[in-house]
Amino acid sequence: MKEFRVIRFISIGLLSLLFTTMSWADDDDNDLAIDEVEGPLSVMVLGSGGPIATASGRASAGYLVFVEGEPRILMDVGGGTYQRVAKSGVNLRSLDTILLSHLHIDHTGDLSAVVKTIYFHNNLAGTARRSPIHIYGPAANGVPFPGTSVAQYPATSTYAHDHYAMPHGVERYLNIFATAISGGASEFAYQPHDLNSIVANAVVEEVVRTDDGVLIESIAVDHGPVPAVAFRISYRGHSIVYSGDTKSTGPNMQTIARKADLLIYDTAITDTLPPNPVFHALHTSPTRIGEVAAAAKVKKLVLSHITPVTEPRLDLVKQVIRQNYSSEIKAAEDLKVFNLGDDDYRRDRRK
């Protein structure tokens, strides 16, 4: 009995030390990105970089959208976004919508890590999660590998099922994991949805309209042979548009971005660099970014998907864009928050 009391005393002491240490850590690092979120509609940059790991430490593409301060929608979930979620202080237990612009790894790499975290966050909060996580992304466009009949990219539904479906999904263990960690209270559930990815004659299509007034729309965009879509999220008269990766040929980006409060744009190349036709067939030049933003009359432009080509040349990129677009331009940074509301951007303090 005496030994039990000694062990209990030591355990309590260790727990007290742990919580004290955690409190000190909070005191030293209380500038969390979640504390910057306010107003009816906000977006937090989880990943502002491209597909290349660089010393600047940018995560790949990821953007978390908040409605009335609650994280509701995740647009892309590239490598490093999981870590940014952790550092942001955000709890994802209520997240139910993931939008994938296309199925390149730098836009999907942390999908399963974030999905798993949603269930952990519910468990830690003592809530049961049975409602599905909806995953929206482009349908297959049928473009084959050269000289074959094999499609280069699957539909988003196929991609999701290949990960999670019983009995053959490579991460099918999540079907038992979610139930096991919650003592049977939670149930793993996901629902994939395929969106039009044919660029020619594409129109803006409604993806989701919620009871509380959130509207998500999409349009197919030109990313070479890659099925890709851009998204628009609207709420209470405010709107966020995300280009994903696109060359921005034709009117599609201009159409979906019309009079948006915030346009997040693919900024992977300059007008001339890199001197490789593949990149220029997939991404938007600064000149074209300026043309689209000006024609769409967007209020604010955010440059993202920043690469080793554009990062050291952001001032030049902005100068080229300003030849056509005269409104505000910001370069995205991981964990930067943009608030849209009656007093737009008054909390944009992460310069």
Protein backbone atom coordinates (compact mmCIF):
# COMPACT_ATOMS: atom_id res chain seq x y z
CA MET A 1 0.00 0.00 0.00
CA LYS A 2 2.87 2.30 0.89
CA GLU A 3 4.56 1.53 -2.43
CA PHE A 4 1.32 2.36 -4.25
CA ARG A 5 1.12 5.76 -2.51
CA VAL A 6 4.75 6.49 -3.43
CA ILE A 7 4.13 5.59 -7.08
CA ARG A 8 0.93 7.67 -7.09
CA PHE A 9 2.81 10.63 -5.56
CA ILE A 10 5.57 10.38 -8.17
CA SER A 11 2.99 10.10 -10.96
CA ILE A 12 1.11 13.18 -9.78
CA GLY A 13 4.40 15.05 -9.53
CA LEU A 14 5.39 14.09 -13.07
CA LEU A 15 1.97 15.13 -14.39
CA SER A 16 2.22 18.46 -12.59
CA LEU A 17 5.66 19.03 -14.08
CA LEU A 18 4.33 18.14 -17.53
CA PHE A 19 1.41 20.56 -17.34
CA THR A 20 3.64 23.27 -15.88
CA THR A 21 6.07 22.78 -18.77
CA MET A 22 3.18 22.96 -21.22
CA SER A 23 2.00 26.20 -19.60
CA TRP A 24 5.47 27.72 -19.89
CA ALA A 25 5.56 26.74 -23.55
CA ASP A 26 2.20 28.40 -24.10
CA ASP A 27 3.42 31.57 -22.35
CA ASP A 28 6.52 31.71 -24.52
CA ASP A 29 4.71 30.96 -27.77
CA ASN A 30 1.21 32.41 -27.55
CA ASP A 31 1.17 33.95 -31.02
CA LEU A 32 -0.91 31.22 -32.65
CA ALA A 33 -2.36 31.62 -36.11
CA ILE A 34 -5.80 30.58 -34.85
CA ASP A 35 -5.83 33.72 -32.69
CA GLU A 36 -5.72 35.84 -35.86
CA VAL A 37 -8.99 34.40 -37.22
CA GLU A 38 -12.05 36.61 -36.88
CA GLY A 39 -15.12 37.73 -38.79
CA PRO A 40 -17.51 35.83 -41.02
CA LEU A 41 -15.04 34.39 -43.56
CA SER A 42 -11.30 33.79 -43.23
CA VAL A 43 -8.56 31.78 -44.90
CA MET A 44 -5.38 30.54 -43.23
CA VAL A 45 -2.43 29.68 -45.45
CA LEU A 46 -1.16 26.26 -44.41
CA GLY A 47 1.18 25.88 -47.36
CA SER A 48 2.38 28.63 -49.70
CA GLY A 49 5.05 26.64 -51.54
CA GLY A 50 5.31 24.37 -54.53
CA PRO A 51 6.52 20.81 -55.09
CA ILE A 52 10.17 21.38 -54.14
CA ALA A 53 11.59 21.12 -50.61
CA THR A 54 13.66 24.26 -50.01
CA ALA A 55 15.51 25.89 -47.14
CA SER A 56 12.83 28.58 -46.90
CA GLY A 57 10.64 25.86 -45.37
CA ARG A 58 7.37 26.59 -47.16
CA ALA A 59 4.87 23.73 -47.00
CA SER A 60 3.18 22.67 -50.22
CA ALA A 61 -0.28 23.91 -51.12
CA GLY A 62 -2.93 24.08 -48.40
CA TYR A 63 -5.56 26.66 -47.39
CA LEU A 64 -7.96 26.35 -44.44
CA VAL A 65 -11.22 28.30 -44.67
CA PHE A 66 -13.08 29.43 -41.55
CA VAL A 67 -16.76 30.36 -41.37
CA GLU A 68 -17.67 32.43 -38.32
CA GLY A 69 -14.35 31.39 -36.81
CA GLU A 70 -14.87 27.64 -37.29
CA PRO A 71 -12.60 25.62 -39.63
CA ARG A 72 -15.00 24.22 -42.21
CA ILE A 73 -13.22 23.76 -45.55
CA LEU A 74 -9.70 22.65 -46.51
CA MET A 75 -8.48 23.50 -50.03
CA ASP A 76 -5.62 21.17 -50.97
CA VAL A 77 -3.47 19.38 -48.45
CA GLY A 78 0.10 19.18 -49.74
CA GLY A 79 3.18 17.99 -47.89
CA GLY A 80 3.82 19.99 -44.70
CA THR A 81 0.22 21.13 -44.20
CA TYR A 82 -0.19 18.58 -41.39
CA GLN A 83 2.63 20.25 -39.48
CA ARG A 84 1.16 23.69 -40.11
CA VAL A 85 -2.20 22.54 -38.73
CA ALA A 86 -0.40 21.42 -35.59
CA LYS A 87 1.48 24.72 -35.23
CA SER A 88 -1.60 26.85 -35.96
CA GLY A 89 -3.48 25.77 -32.85
CA VAL A 90 -6.55 24.82 -34.92
CA ASN A 91 -8.82 21.96 -33.85
CA LEU A 92 -10.20 20.16 -36.90
CA ARG A 93 -12.93 18.09 -35.26
CA SER A 94 -15.72 19.90 -37.17
CA LEU A 95 -13.98 19.93 -40.58
CA ASP A 96 -16.18 18.14 -43.08
CA THR A 97 -15.14 19.36 -46.56
CA ILE A 98 -11.85 18.84 -48.39
CA LEU A 99 -11.43 20.37 -51.85
CA LEU A 100 -8.66 19.02 -54.07
CA SER A 101 -7.75 21.21 -57.04
CA HIS A 102 -5.92 18.30 -58.70
CA LEU A 103 -4.15 15.10 -57.78
CA HIS A 104 -0.48 16.12 -57.85
CA ILE A 105 1.40 15.05 -54.72
CA ASP A 106 2.21 18.61 -53.65
CA HIS A 107 -1.56 19.16 -53.33
CA THR A 108 -2.58 15.84 -51.78
CA GLY A 109 0.44 14.48 -49.90
CA ASP A 110 -0.84 15.05 -46.34
CA LEU A 111 -4.46 14.08 -47.00
CA SER A 112 -4.48 10.92 -44.89
CA ALA A 113 -2.50 12.50 -42.05
CA VAL A 114 -5.06 15.31 -41.80
CA VAL A 115 -8.00 12.90 -42.09
CA LYS A 116 -6.59 10.86 -39.22
CA THR A 117 -6.08 14.02 -37.16
CA ILE A 118 -9.78 14.91 -37.57
CA TYR A 119 -10.66 11.71 -35.71
CA PHE A 120 -7.99 12.26 -33.07
CA HIS A 121 -9.26 15.81 -32.49
CA ASN A 122 -12.79 14.49 -32.02
CA ASN A 123 -11.54 11.86 -29.62
CA LEU A 124 -9.54 14.35 -27.54
CA ALA A 125 -12.58 16.64 -27.40
CA GLY A 126 -14.77 13.77 -26.21
CA THR A 127 -17.03 13.95 -29.26
CA ALA A 128 -18.21 11.13 -31.49
CA ARG A 129 -17.60 11.53 -35.22
CA ARG A 130 -19.98 9.69 -37.53
CA SER A 131 -20.67 12.29 -40.20
CA PRO A 132 -18.62 11.77 -43.39
CA ILE A 133 -15.67 13.79 -44.60
CA HIS A 134 -16.60 14.97 -48.10
CA ILE A 135 -13.72 14.97 -50.60
CA TYR A 136 -14.30 16.95 -53.82
CA GLY A 137 -11.95 17.04 -56.78
CA PRO A 138 -11.70 16.68 -60.55
CA ALA A 139 -13.13 13.81 -62.53
CA ALA A 140 -10.79 11.93 -64.84
CA ASN A 141 -10.29 13.54 -68.25
CA GLY A 142 -9.13 10.40 -70.05
CA VAL A 143 -5.78 11.77 -71.25
CA PRO A 144 -3.55 8.68 -71.66
CA PHE A 145 0.14 8.13 -71.23
CA PRO A 146 1.78 8.57 -74.64
CA GLY A 147 1.53 5.43 -76.72
CA THR A 148 -0.84 3.69 -74.31
CA SER A 149 -4.53 3.58 -73.41
CA VAL A 150 -3.80 4.02 -69.69
CA ALA A 151 -5.16 7.28 -68.25
CA GLN A 152 -2.55 9.49 -66.60
CA TYR A 153 -4.86 10.45 -63.70
CA PRO A 154 -7.77 8.74 -61.94
CA ALA A 155 -10.99 10.41 -60.88
CA THR A 156 -11.00 11.84 -57.36
CA SER A 157 -13.48 9.16 -56.31
CA THR A 158 -11.12 6.43 -57.49
CA TYR A 159 -8.23 8.11 -55.70
CA ALA A 160 -10.19 8.24 -52.42
CA HIS A 161 -11.48 4.69 -52.67
CA ASP A 162 -7.99 3.38 -53.45
CA HIS A 163 -6.90 4.91 -50.14
CA TYR A 164 -9.77 4.17 -47.78
CA ALA A 165 -12.31 1.68 -49.12
CA MET A 166 -12.77 -1.80 -47.73
CA PRO A 167 -11.44 -4.34 -48.52
CA HIS A 168 -8.58 -3.16 -50.77
CA GLY A 169 -7.79 0.47 -49.86
CA VAL A 170 -4.15 0.91 -48.90
CA GLU A 171 -5.20 2.83 -45.76
CA ARG A 172 -8.31 0.78 -45.02
CA TYR A 173 -7.14 0.40 -41.41
CA LEU A 174 -8.77 3.79 -40.74
CA ASN A 175 -12.12 1.99 -40.82
CA ILE A 176 -11.24 0.19 -37.58
CA PHE A 177 -8.91 2.85 -36.18
CA ALA A 178 -11.60 5.53 -35.78
CA THR A 179 -13.86 3.12 -33.93
CA ALA A 180 -11.09 1.67 -31.77
CA ILE A 181 -9.73 4.96 -30.41
CA SER A 182 -13.22 6.18 -29.51
CA GLY A 183 -14.40 3.03 -27.77
CA GLY A 184 -16.96 2.48 -30.52
CA ALA A 185 -18.39 6.01 -30.45
CA SER A 186 -16.95 7.19 -33.79
CA GLU A 187 -17.19 5.66 -37.22
CA PHE A 188 -14.89 6.34 -40.16
CA ALA A 189 -16.84 7.70 -43.12
CA TYR A 190 -15.88 9.54 -46.28
CA GLN A 191 -17.73 10.50 -49.45
CA PRO A 192 -15.82 11.41 -52.64
CA HIS A 193 -17.32 13.60 -55.36
CA ASP A 194 -16.06 14.10 -58.92
CA LEU A 195 -16.25 17.56 -60.50
CA ASN A 196 -16.14 18.44 -64.18
CA SER A 197 -12.54 18.70 -65.39
CA ILE A 198 -13.11 19.35 -69.10
CA VAL A 199 -11.88 22.88 -69.73
CA ALA A 200 -13.57 23.64 -73.07
CA ASN A 201 -16.95 25.33 -72.57
CA ALA A 202 -16.76 24.84 -68.80
CA VAL A 203 -19.06 26.93 -66.64
CA VAL A 204 -19.10 27.70 -62.93
CA GLU A 205 -20.89 24.86 -61.16
CA GLU A 206 -22.38 24.69 -57.69
CA VAL A 207 -20.55 22.16 -55.50
CA VAL A 208 -22.13 22.70 -52.08
CA ARG A 209 -24.74 25.06 -50.63
CA THR A 210 -25.15 24.70 -46.87
CA ASP A 211 -28.12 25.59 -44.71
CA ASP A 212 -26.18 28.43 -43.09
CA GLY A 213 -25.38 30.09 -46.41
CA VAL A 214 -21.93 28.82 -47.44
CA LEU A 215 -21.63 28.38 -51.21
CA ILE A 216 -18.80 26.42 -52.84
CA GLU A 217 -18.41 26.58 -56.62
CA SER A 218 -15.90 25.16 -59.10
CA ILE A 219 -14.80 25.44 -62.70
CA ALA A 220 -12.42 23.33 -64.77
CA VAL A 221 -9.08 25.04 -65.48
CA ASP A 222 -6.19 24.38 -67.84
CA HIS A 223 -3.30 22.51 -66.17
CA GLY A 224 -2.04 20.80 -69.31
CA PRO A 225 -3.02 17.12 -69.33
CA VAL A 226 -3.85 17.21 -65.62
CA PRO A 227 -7.55 17.25 -64.61
CA ALA A 228 -7.84 20.40 -62.49
CA VAL A 229 -10.43 22.75 -61.02
CA ALA A 230 -10.49 26.16 -59.37
CA PHE A 231 -12.76 26.88 -56.39
CA ARG A 232 -14.81 29.81 -55.10
CA ILE A 233 -16.15 29.97 -51.54
CA SER A 234 -18.77 32.60 -50.73
CA TYR A 235 -20.45 33.56 -47.48
CA ARG A 236 -22.42 36.65 -46.39
CA GLY A 237 -21.39 38.63 -49.46
CA HIS A 238 -17.68 37.78 -49.23
CA SER A 239 -15.71 35.45 -51.46
CA ILE A 240 -12.39 33.59 -51.69
CA VAL A 241 -11.18 32.16 -55.01
CA TYR A 242 -8.37 29.63 -55.31
CA SER A 243 -6.81 28.92 -58.70
CA GLY A 244 -5.06 25.66 -57.85
CA ASP A 245 -2.40 25.12 -60.53
CA THR A 246 -3.31 26.41 -63.96
CA LYS A 247 -1.94 28.02 -67.08
CA SER A 248 -5.05 30.24 -67.05
CA THR A 249 -5.76 30.06 -70.76
CA GLY A 250 -9.24 31.09 -71.84
CA PRO A 251 -11.86 32.83 -69.69
CA ASN A 252 -12.36 30.24 -66.94
CA MET A 253 -10.28 31.80 -64.17
CA GLN A 254 -11.63 35.25 -64.93
CA THR A 255 -15.17 33.89 -64.81
CA ILE A 256 -14.92 32.22 -61.41
CA ALA A 257 -12.87 35.08 -59.89
CA ARG A 258 -15.28 37.86 -60.88
CA LYS A 259 -15.32 40.54 -58.14
CA ALA A 260 -13.83 38.20 -55.55
CA ASP A 261 -12.58 39.72 -52.32
CA LEU A 262 -9.50 37.50 -52.35
CA LEU A 263 -7.88 35.61 -55.23
CA ILE A 264 -5.16 33.08 -54.34
CA TYR A 265 -3.08 32.47 -57.47
CA ASP A 266 -0.53 29.95 -58.75
CA THR A 267 2.80 31.84 -58.86
CA ALA A 268 5.26 29.14 -59.89
CA ILE A 269 7.00 30.81 -62.86
CA THR A 270 8.04 34.16 -64.25
CA ASP A 271 7.24 35.21 -67.80
CA THR A 272 10.52 33.67 -68.99
CA LEU A 273 11.81 31.36 -66.22
CA PRO A 274 12.35 28.48 -65.99
CA PRO A 275 13.31 28.05 -69.68
CA ASN A 276 11.35 24.81 -69.89
CA PRO A 277 8.15 24.59 -71.97
CA VAL A 278 6.65 22.00 -69.60
CA PHE A 279 6.37 24.48 -66.73
CA HIS A 280 4.90 27.18 -68.94
CA ALA A 281 2.33 24.69 -70.22
CA LEU A 282 1.18 24.08 -66.64
CA HIS A 283 1.41 27.38 -64.75
CA THR A 284 0.44 31.05 -65.04
CA SER A 285 2.89 33.79 -65.97
CA PRO A 286 2.84 37.02 -63.91
CA THR A 287 1.60 38.92 -66.97
CA ARG A 288 -1.37 36.59 -67.25
CA ILE A 289 -2.06 36.75 -63.50
CA GLY A 290 -2.33 40.53 -63.79
CA GLU A 291 -4.62 40.30 -66.81
CA VAL A 292 -7.00 37.87 -65.10
CA ALA A 293 -7.08 39.72 -61.77
CA ALA A 294 -7.73 43.04 -63.49
CA ALA A 295 -10.43 41.70 -65.80
CA ALA A 296 -12.13 39.94 -62.88
CA LYS A 297 -11.90 43.11 -60.74
CA VAL A 298 -10.73 41.23 -57.66
CA LYS A 299 -10.11 43.30 -54.53
CA LYS A 300 -6.94 41.59 -53.34
CA LEU A 301 -4.47 39.19 -54.95
CA VAL A 302 -2.45 36.65 -52.97
CA LEU A 303 0.56 35.04 -54.66
CA SER A 304 1.01 31.42 -53.63
CA HIS A 305 2.50 28.13 -54.87
CA ILE A 306 5.78 30.02 -54.66
CA THR A 307 8.79 28.13 -56.02
CA PRO A 308 12.59 28.57 -56.05
CA VAL A 309 12.07 30.37 -59.39
CA THR A 310 9.68 33.00 -58.03
CA GLU A 311 10.67 33.30 -54.37
CA PRO A 312 13.83 35.39 -54.97
CA ARG A 313 12.01 37.38 -57.66
CA LEU A 314 8.73 38.26 -55.92
CA ASP A 315 9.33 42.00 -56.28
CA LEU A 316 9.82 41.55 -60.02
CA VAL A 317 6.74 39.31 -60.23
CA LYS A 318 4.66 42.00 -58.51
CA GLN A 319 6.01 44.68 -60.87
CA VAL A 320 4.96 42.64 -63.89
CA ILE A 321 1.51 41.97 -62.42
CA ARG A 322 1.05 45.69 -61.70
CA GLN A 323 1.38 46.46 -65.39
CA ASN A 324 -2.22 45.23 -65.60
CA TYR A 325 -3.54 45.05 -62.02
CA SER A 326 -3.45 48.04 -59.67
CA SER A 327 -5.10 46.72 -56.48
CA GLU A 328 -3.38 45.17 -53.47
CA ILE A 329 -0.94 42.27 -53.93
CA LYS A 330 0.39 40.10 -51.09
CA ALA A 331 2.84 37.22 -51.14
CA ALA A 332 1.48 34.29 -49.14
CA GLU A 333 3.32 33.01 -46.10
CA ASP A 334 2.62 29.83 -44.18
CA LEU A 335 0.20 30.50 -41.29
CA LYS A 336 -0.75 33.94 -42.59
CA VAL A 337 -4.45 34.69 -42.03
CA PHE A 338 -6.70 36.78 -44.26
CA ASN A 339 -10.00 37.88 -42.74
CA LEU A 340 -12.94 39.03 -44.83
CA GLY A 341 -15.70 40.99 -43.13
CA ASP A 342 -17.17 44.37 -42.42
CA ASP A 343 -13.70 45.70 -41.65
CA ASP A 344 -11.73 43.69 -44.20
CA TYR A 345 -8.21 42.61 -43.34
CA ARG A 346 -7.97 44.67 -40.14
CA ARG A 347 -6.44 41.63 -38.48
CA ASP A 348 -3.93 41.04 -41.26
CA ARG A 349 -0.96 41.65 -38.99
CA ARG A 350 1.38 38.97 -40.31
CA LYS A 351 3.32 41.13 -42.76
